[in-house]
Amino acid sequence: MTPPGTVEGDGPIRLFLALELPDDVVADLVRWGKEHLGRGAVESFHVTLAFLGSQPRAALEPIVAALRRQVLSTEPFELEPVRYRETRSVGMLVLADSSAHATSLAEGVQRELEDLGVYVRERRRWLPHVTVVRFREPPRLAPPLPEIGPFAPSGAAALLSRLHPTGAQYEVLASCSLKRS
């Protein structure tokens, strides 16, 4: 586990927890996005475990500790793109979690965050996915799936999200490795 990064000032931070993707998967998704998604394709990828929104900086340490506890108790797993889906503002690759270990990790993290009082679980079930394109109006794309096959996330992280006119930019504040099979 890397120690939490430093953030300036004492105001709140916009925070989320996510699975990190291996460099080769990121490179393949960037190439695929440029070829099949056009304008709006993103170049920073992750699988969100829990979006916490605005949090006091003092909450970061217990949040990272909760993530670390859940990661340590999670068995190795792989995710695999199974379909492309659009919502009102993003296109995503929905991922299969055949072992259900990623889902257990997300649920465990969310439960601990609720216990800390920093998170309220969404009503819908957690859906493992990677956002691949952002838009104002759904373009109704039907791209082929990227040929990346099953992959094991490279780690889990607490990320700072900074909003910019060009979209959110992310900074890893703390990360930890996942068990490998």
C-alpha atoms as a PDB file:
ATOM      1  CA  MET A   1       0.000   0.000   0.000  1.00  0.00           C
ATOM      2  CA  THR A   2       1.381   3.372  -0.881  1.00  0.00           C
ATOM      3  CA  PRO A   3       0.824   6.114   1.682  1.00  0.00           C
ATOM      4  CA  PRO A   4      -1.857   8.701   0.964  1.00  0.00           C
ATOM      5  CA  GLY A   5      -0.719  11.468  -1.351  1.00  0.00           C
ATOM      6  CA  THR A   6      -0.744  15.000  -0.142  1.00  0.00           C
ATOM      7  CA  VAL A   7      -3.428  17.456  -1.109  1.00  0.00           C
ATOM      8  CA  GLU A   8      -3.065  21.166  -0.557  1.00  0.00           C
ATOM      9  CA  GLY A   9      -5.225  23.227   1.776  1.00  0.00           C
ATOM     10  CA  ASP A  10      -7.759  22.074   4.324  1.00  0.00           C
ATOM     11  CA  GLY A  11     -10.966  22.233   2.282  1.00  0.00           C
ATOM     12  CA  PRO A  12     -12.967  19.201   1.200  1.00  0.00           C
ATOM     13  CA  ILE A  13     -11.748  16.849  -1.518  1.00  0.00           C
ATOM     14  CA  ARG A  14     -13.810  15.120  -4.245  1.00  0.00           C
ATOM     15  CA  LEU A  15     -13.007  11.463  -3.689  1.00  0.00           C
ATOM     16  CA  PHE A  16     -13.751   8.014  -5.068  1.00  0.00           C
ATOM     17  CA  LEU A  17     -12.370   4.480  -4.735  1.00  0.00           C
ATOM     18  CA  ALA A  18     -11.642   2.422  -7.829  1.00  0.00           C
ATOM     19  CA  LEU A  19      -9.913  -0.537  -9.381  1.00  0.00           C
ATOM     20  CA  GLU A  20      -6.926   0.419 -11.522  1.00  0.00           C
ATOM     21  CA  LEU A  21      -6.412  -1.127 -14.952  1.00  0.00           C
ATOM     22  CA  PRO A  22      -3.100  -2.607 -16.140  1.00  0.00           C
ATOM     23  CA  ASP A  23      -1.055  -0.406 -18.494  1.00  0.00           C
ATOM     24  CA  ASP A  24      -1.480  -2.759 -21.468  1.00  0.00           C
ATOM     25  CA  VAL A  25      -5.282  -2.741 -21.064  1.00  0.00           C
ATOM     26  CA  VAL A  26      -5.266   1.068 -20.847  1.00  0.00           C
ATOM     27  CA  ALA A  27      -3.164   1.317 -24.027  1.00  0.00           C
ATOM     28  CA  ASP A  28      -5.508  -1.074 -25.855  1.00  0.00           C
ATOM     29  CA  LEU A  29      -8.591   0.887 -24.698  1.00  0.00           C
ATOM     30  CA  VAL A  30      -7.069   4.187 -25.841  1.00  0.00           C
ATOM     31  CA  ARG A  31      -6.387   2.753 -29.314  1.00  0.00           C
ATOM     32  CA  TRP A  32      -9.839   1.139 -29.482  1.00  0.00           C
ATOM     33  CA  GLY A  33     -11.536   4.367 -28.370  1.00  0.00           C
ATOM     34  CA  LYS A  34      -9.777   6.461 -31.010  1.00  0.00           C
ATOM     35  CA  GLU A  35     -10.811   3.970 -33.672  1.00  0.00           C
ATOM     36  CA  HIS A  36     -14.436   3.318 -32.640  1.00  0.00           C
ATOM     37  CA  LEU A  37     -15.692   6.110 -30.376  1.00  0.00           C
ATOM     38  CA  GLY A  38     -14.532   9.350 -31.964  1.00  0.00           C
ATOM     39  CA  ARG A  39     -14.858  12.643 -30.137  1.00  0.00           C
ATOM     40  CA  GLY A  40     -15.350  12.335 -26.404  1.00  0.00           C
ATOM     41  CA  ALA A  41     -13.349   9.125 -26.004  1.00  0.00           C
ATOM     42  CA  VAL A  42     -11.612   9.163 -22.622  1.00  0.00           C
ATOM     43  CA  GLU A  43      -8.002   8.207 -21.993  1.00  0.00           C
ATOM     44  CA  SER A  44      -8.115   7.607 -18.244  1.00  0.00           C
ATOM     45  CA  PHE A  45      -9.788   4.396 -17.126  1.00  0.00           C
ATOM     46  CA  HIS A  46     -10.859   2.789 -13.855  1.00  0.00           C
ATOM     47  CA  VAL A  47     -13.661   0.688 -12.374  1.00  0.00           C
ATOM     48  CA  THR A  48     -15.383   2.720  -9.665  1.00  0.00           C
ATOM     49  CA  LEU A  49     -15.982   0.854  -6.406  1.00  0.00           C
ATOM     50  CA  ALA A  50     -17.603   3.811  -4.616  1.00  0.00           C
ATOM     51  CA  PHE A  51     -17.951   7.510  -5.411  1.00  0.00           C
ATOM     52  CA  LEU A  52     -17.825   9.484  -2.195  1.00  0.00           C
ATOM     53  CA  GLY A  53     -18.046  13.020  -3.551  1.00  0.00           C
ATOM     54  CA  SER A  54     -16.948  15.882  -1.325  1.00  0.00           C
ATOM     55  CA  GLN A  55     -15.201  14.647   1.824  1.00  0.00           C
ATOM     56  CA  PRO A  56     -13.141  16.347   4.526  1.00  0.00           C
ATOM     57  CA  ARG A  57      -9.435  15.627   4.152  1.00  0.00           C
ATOM     58  CA  ALA A  58      -9.473  14.116   7.648  1.00  0.00           C
ATOM     59  CA  ALA A  59     -11.698  11.303   6.348  1.00  0.00           C
ATOM     60  CA  LEU A  60      -9.066  10.128   3.847  1.00  0.00           C
ATOM     61  CA  GLU A  61      -7.053   7.970   6.260  1.00  0.00           C
ATOM     62  CA  PRO A  62     -10.011   5.912   7.568  1.00  0.00           C
ATOM     63  CA  ILE A  63     -11.374   5.584   4.007  1.00  0.00           C
ATOM     64  CA  VAL A  64      -8.029   4.252   2.750  1.00  0.00           C
ATOM     65  CA  ALA A  65      -7.836   1.895   5.750  1.00  0.00           C
ATOM     66  CA  ALA A  66     -11.273   0.490   4.844  1.00  0.00           C
ATOM     67  CA  LEU A  67     -10.163  -0.029   1.241  1.00  0.00           C
ATOM     68  CA  ARG A  68      -6.985  -1.772   2.394  1.00  0.00           C
ATOM     69  CA  ARG A  69      -8.901  -4.141   4.732  1.00  0.00           C
ATOM     70  CA  GLN A  70     -11.285  -5.160   1.975  1.00  0.00           C
ATOM     71  CA  VAL A  71      -8.512  -5.627  -0.602  1.00  0.00           C
ATOM     72  CA  LEU A  72      -6.561  -7.865   1.787  1.00  0.00           C
ATOM     73  CA  SER A  73      -9.589 -10.137   2.215  1.00  0.00           C
ATOM     74  CA  THR A  74     -10.402 -10.358  -1.524  1.00  0.00           C
ATOM     75  CA  GLU A  75      -9.438 -13.376  -3.607  1.00  0.00           C
ATOM     76  CA  PRO A  76      -7.879 -12.840  -7.059  1.00  0.00           C
ATOM     77  CA  PHE A  77     -10.308 -12.101  -9.880  1.00  0.00           C
ATOM     78  CA  GLU A  78     -10.537 -11.110 -13.504  1.00  0.00           C
ATOM     79  CA  LEU A  79     -12.954  -8.851 -15.338  1.00  0.00           C
ATOM     80  CA  GLU A  80     -13.922  -9.057 -18.996  1.00  0.00           C
ATOM     81  CA  PRO A  81     -15.787  -6.672 -21.336  1.00  0.00           C
ATOM     82  CA  VAL A  82     -19.131  -8.202 -22.340  1.00  0.00           C
ATOM     83  CA  ARG A  83     -21.113  -5.318 -23.858  1.00  0.00           C
ATOM     84  CA  TYR A  84     -21.161  -1.620 -24.663  1.00  0.00           C
ATOM     85  CA  ARG A  85     -23.878   0.477 -22.988  1.00  0.00           C
ATOM     86  CA  GLU A  86     -24.836   4.158 -23.099  1.00  0.00           C
ATOM     87  CA  THR A  87     -26.461   6.269 -20.406  1.00  0.00           C
ATOM     88  CA  ARG A  88     -27.537   9.893 -20.807  1.00  0.00           C
ATOM     89  CA  SER A  89     -23.938  11.170 -20.525  1.00  0.00           C
ATOM     90  CA  VAL A  90     -21.450   8.299 -20.906  1.00  0.00           C
ATOM     91  CA  GLY A  91     -20.707   5.182 -22.900  1.00  0.00           C
ATOM     92  CA  MET A  92     -19.268   2.268 -20.963  1.00  0.00           C
ATOM     93  CA  LEU A  93     -17.936  -1.210 -21.277  1.00  0.00           C
ATOM     94  CA  VAL A  94     -19.889  -3.447 -18.918  1.00  0.00           C
ATOM     95  CA  LEU A  95     -17.595  -6.047 -17.367  1.00  0.00           C
ATOM     96  CA  ALA A  96     -18.316  -9.637 -16.391  1.00  0.00           C
ATOM     97  CA  ASP A  97     -17.213 -10.610 -12.887  1.00  0.00           C
ATOM     98  CA  SER A  98     -17.479 -14.383 -13.246  1.00  0.00           C
ATOM     99  CA  SER A  99     -15.959 -15.150  -9.830  1.00  0.00           C
ATOM    100  CA  ALA A 100     -18.064 -12.431  -8.102  1.00  0.00           C
ATOM    101  CA  HIS A 101     -14.921 -11.437  -6.140  1.00  0.00           C
ATOM    102  CA  ALA A 102     -14.928  -7.898  -7.573  1.00  0.00           C
ATOM    103  CA  THR A 103     -18.577  -7.536  -6.576  1.00  0.00           C
ATOM    104  CA  SER A 104     -17.784  -8.784  -3.065  1.00  0.00           C
ATOM    105  CA  LEU A 105     -14.944  -6.274  -2.859  1.00  0.00           C
ATOM    106  CA  ALA A 106     -17.206  -3.396  -3.952  1.00  0.00           C
ATOM    107  CA  GLU A 107     -19.938  -4.428  -1.515  1.00  0.00           C
ATOM    108  CA  GLY A 108     -17.462  -4.792   1.353  1.00  0.00           C
ATOM    109  CA  VAL A 109     -15.921  -1.391   0.654  1.00  0.00           C
ATOM    110  CA  GLN A 110     -19.350   0.227   0.418  1.00  0.00           C
ATOM    111  CA  ARG A 111     -20.478  -1.404   3.679  1.00  0.00           C
ATOM    112  CA  GLU A 112     -17.388  -0.154   5.545  1.00  0.00           C
ATOM    113  CA  LEU A 113     -17.791   3.338   4.080  1.00  0.00           C
ATOM    114  CA  GLU A 114     -21.421   3.387   5.237  1.00  0.00           C
ATOM    115  CA  ASP A 115     -20.267   2.367   8.718  1.00  0.00           C
ATOM    116  CA  LEU A 116     -17.830   5.309   8.651  1.00  0.00           C
ATOM    117  CA  GLY A 117     -20.705   7.622   7.725  1.00  0.00           C
ATOM    118  CA  VAL A 118     -19.049   8.831   4.505  1.00  0.00           C
ATOM    119  CA  TYR A 119     -21.137   6.955   1.939  1.00  0.00           C
ATOM    120  CA  VAL A 120     -24.744   6.139   1.115  1.00  0.00           C
ATOM    121  CA  ARG A 121     -25.147   3.096  -1.097  1.00  0.00           C
ATOM    122  CA  GLU A 122     -27.049   3.504  -4.354  1.00  0.00           C
ATOM    123  CA  ARG A 123     -30.328   1.641  -4.709  1.00  0.00           C
ATOM    124  CA  ARG A 124     -29.188  -0.157  -7.831  1.00  0.00           C
ATOM    125  CA  ARG A 125     -26.741  -3.036  -7.643  1.00  0.00           C
ATOM    126  CA  TRP A 126     -23.057  -2.285  -8.328  1.00  0.00           C
ATOM    127  CA  LEU A 127     -22.250  -2.717 -12.021  1.00  0.00           C
ATOM    128  CA  PRO A 128     -18.592  -3.286 -12.891  1.00  0.00           C
ATOM    129  CA  HIS A 129     -17.846  -1.054 -15.867  1.00  0.00           C
ATOM    130  CA  VAL A 130     -15.277   1.212 -17.475  1.00  0.00           C
ATOM    131  CA  THR A 131     -16.396   4.585 -18.826  1.00  0.00           C
ATOM    132  CA  VAL A 132     -14.947   4.917 -22.331  1.00  0.00           C
ATOM    133  CA  VAL A 133     -16.689   7.989 -23.799  1.00  0.00           C
ATOM    134  CA  ARG A 134     -18.476  11.095 -22.503  1.00  0.00           C
ATOM    135  CA  PHE A 135     -21.083  13.107 -24.431  1.00  0.00           C
ATOM    136  CA  ARG A 136     -23.873  15.667 -24.131  1.00  0.00           C
ATOM    137  CA  GLU A 137     -26.308  13.681 -26.285  1.00  0.00           C
ATOM    138  CA  PRO A 138     -26.144   9.876 -26.598  1.00  0.00           C
ATOM    139  CA  PRO A 139     -24.602   9.117 -30.005  1.00  0.00           C
ATOM    140  CA  ARG A 140     -26.144   5.627 -30.083  1.00  0.00           C
ATOM    141  CA  LEU A 141     -22.855   3.964 -30.911  1.00  0.00           C
ATOM    142  CA  ALA A 142     -22.555   0.226 -31.491  1.00  0.00           C
ATOM    143  CA  PRO A 143     -18.791  -0.376 -31.387  1.00  0.00           C
ATOM    144  CA  PRO A 144     -17.300  -3.856 -31.404  1.00  0.00           C
ATOM    145  CA  LEU A 145     -15.910  -4.927 -28.068  1.00  0.00           C
ATOM    146  CA  PRO A 146     -12.199  -4.280 -27.620  1.00  0.00           C
ATOM    147  CA  GLU A 147     -10.117  -7.409 -28.017  1.00  0.00           C
ATOM    148  CA  ILE A 148      -8.551  -7.328 -24.567  1.00  0.00           C
ATOM    149  CA  GLY A 149     -10.075 -10.479 -23.096  1.00  0.00           C
ATOM    150  CA  PRO A 150     -10.176 -11.129 -19.348  1.00  0.00           C
ATOM    151  CA  PHE A 151      -7.832  -9.014 -17.247  1.00  0.00           C
ATOM    152  CA  ALA A 152      -6.908  -8.679 -13.587  1.00  0.00           C
ATOM    153  CA  PRO A 153      -7.005  -5.110 -12.271  1.00  0.00           C
ATOM    154  CA  SER A 154      -3.552  -3.891 -11.270  1.00  0.00           C
ATOM    155  CA  GLY A 155      -4.665  -2.500  -7.930  1.00  0.00           C
ATOM    156  CA  ALA A 156      -7.223  -0.495  -6.001  1.00  0.00           C
ATOM    157  CA  ALA A 157      -6.909   3.196  -5.233  1.00  0.00           C
ATOM    158  CA  ALA A 158      -8.352   6.259  -3.559  1.00  0.00           C
ATOM    159  CA  LEU A 159      -8.525   8.950  -6.217  1.00  0.00           C
ATOM    160  CA  LEU A 160      -8.950  12.688  -6.064  1.00  0.00           C
ATOM    161  CA  SER A 161     -11.252  13.992  -8.805  1.00  0.00           C
ATOM    162  CA  ARG A 162     -10.728  17.557  -9.986  1.00  0.00           C
ATOM    163  CA  LEU A 163     -13.339  19.017 -12.315  1.00  0.00           C
ATOM    164  CA  HIS A 164     -12.050  20.952 -15.340  1.00  0.00           C
ATOM    165  CA  PRO A 165     -13.790  22.356 -18.424  1.00  0.00           C
ATOM    166  CA  THR A 166     -12.301  19.466 -20.426  1.00  0.00           C
ATOM    167  CA  GLY A 167     -13.594  16.874 -17.938  1.00  0.00           C
ATOM    168  CA  ALA A 168     -12.535  15.377 -14.628  1.00  0.00           C
ATOM    169  CA  GLN A 169      -8.859  14.786 -13.955  1.00  0.00           C
ATOM    170  CA  TYR A 170      -7.808  12.143 -11.458  1.00  0.00           C
ATOM    171  CA  GLU A 171      -4.918  11.879  -9.037  1.00  0.00           C
ATOM    172  CA  VAL A 172      -4.101   8.722  -7.088  1.00  0.00           C
ATOM    173  CA  LEU A 173      -3.876   9.593  -3.391  1.00  0.00           C
ATOM    174  CA  ALA A 174      -3.229   6.042  -2.177  1.00  0.00           C
ATOM    175  CA  SER A 175      -3.158   2.639  -3.818  1.00  0.00           C
ATOM    176  CA  CYS A 176      -2.717  -0.996  -2.904  1.00  0.00           C
ATOM    177  CA  SER A 177      -2.044  -4.164  -4.856  1.00  0.00           C
ATOM    178  CA  LEU A 178      -4.596  -6.892  -5.352  1.00  0.00           C
ATOM    179  CA  LYS A 179      -3.799 -10.581  -4.848  1.00  0.00           C
ATOM    180  CA  ARG A 180      -2.710 -12.351  -8.018  1.00  0.00           C
ATOM    181  CA  SER A 181      -3.732 -15.881  -8.983  1.00  0.00           C
END
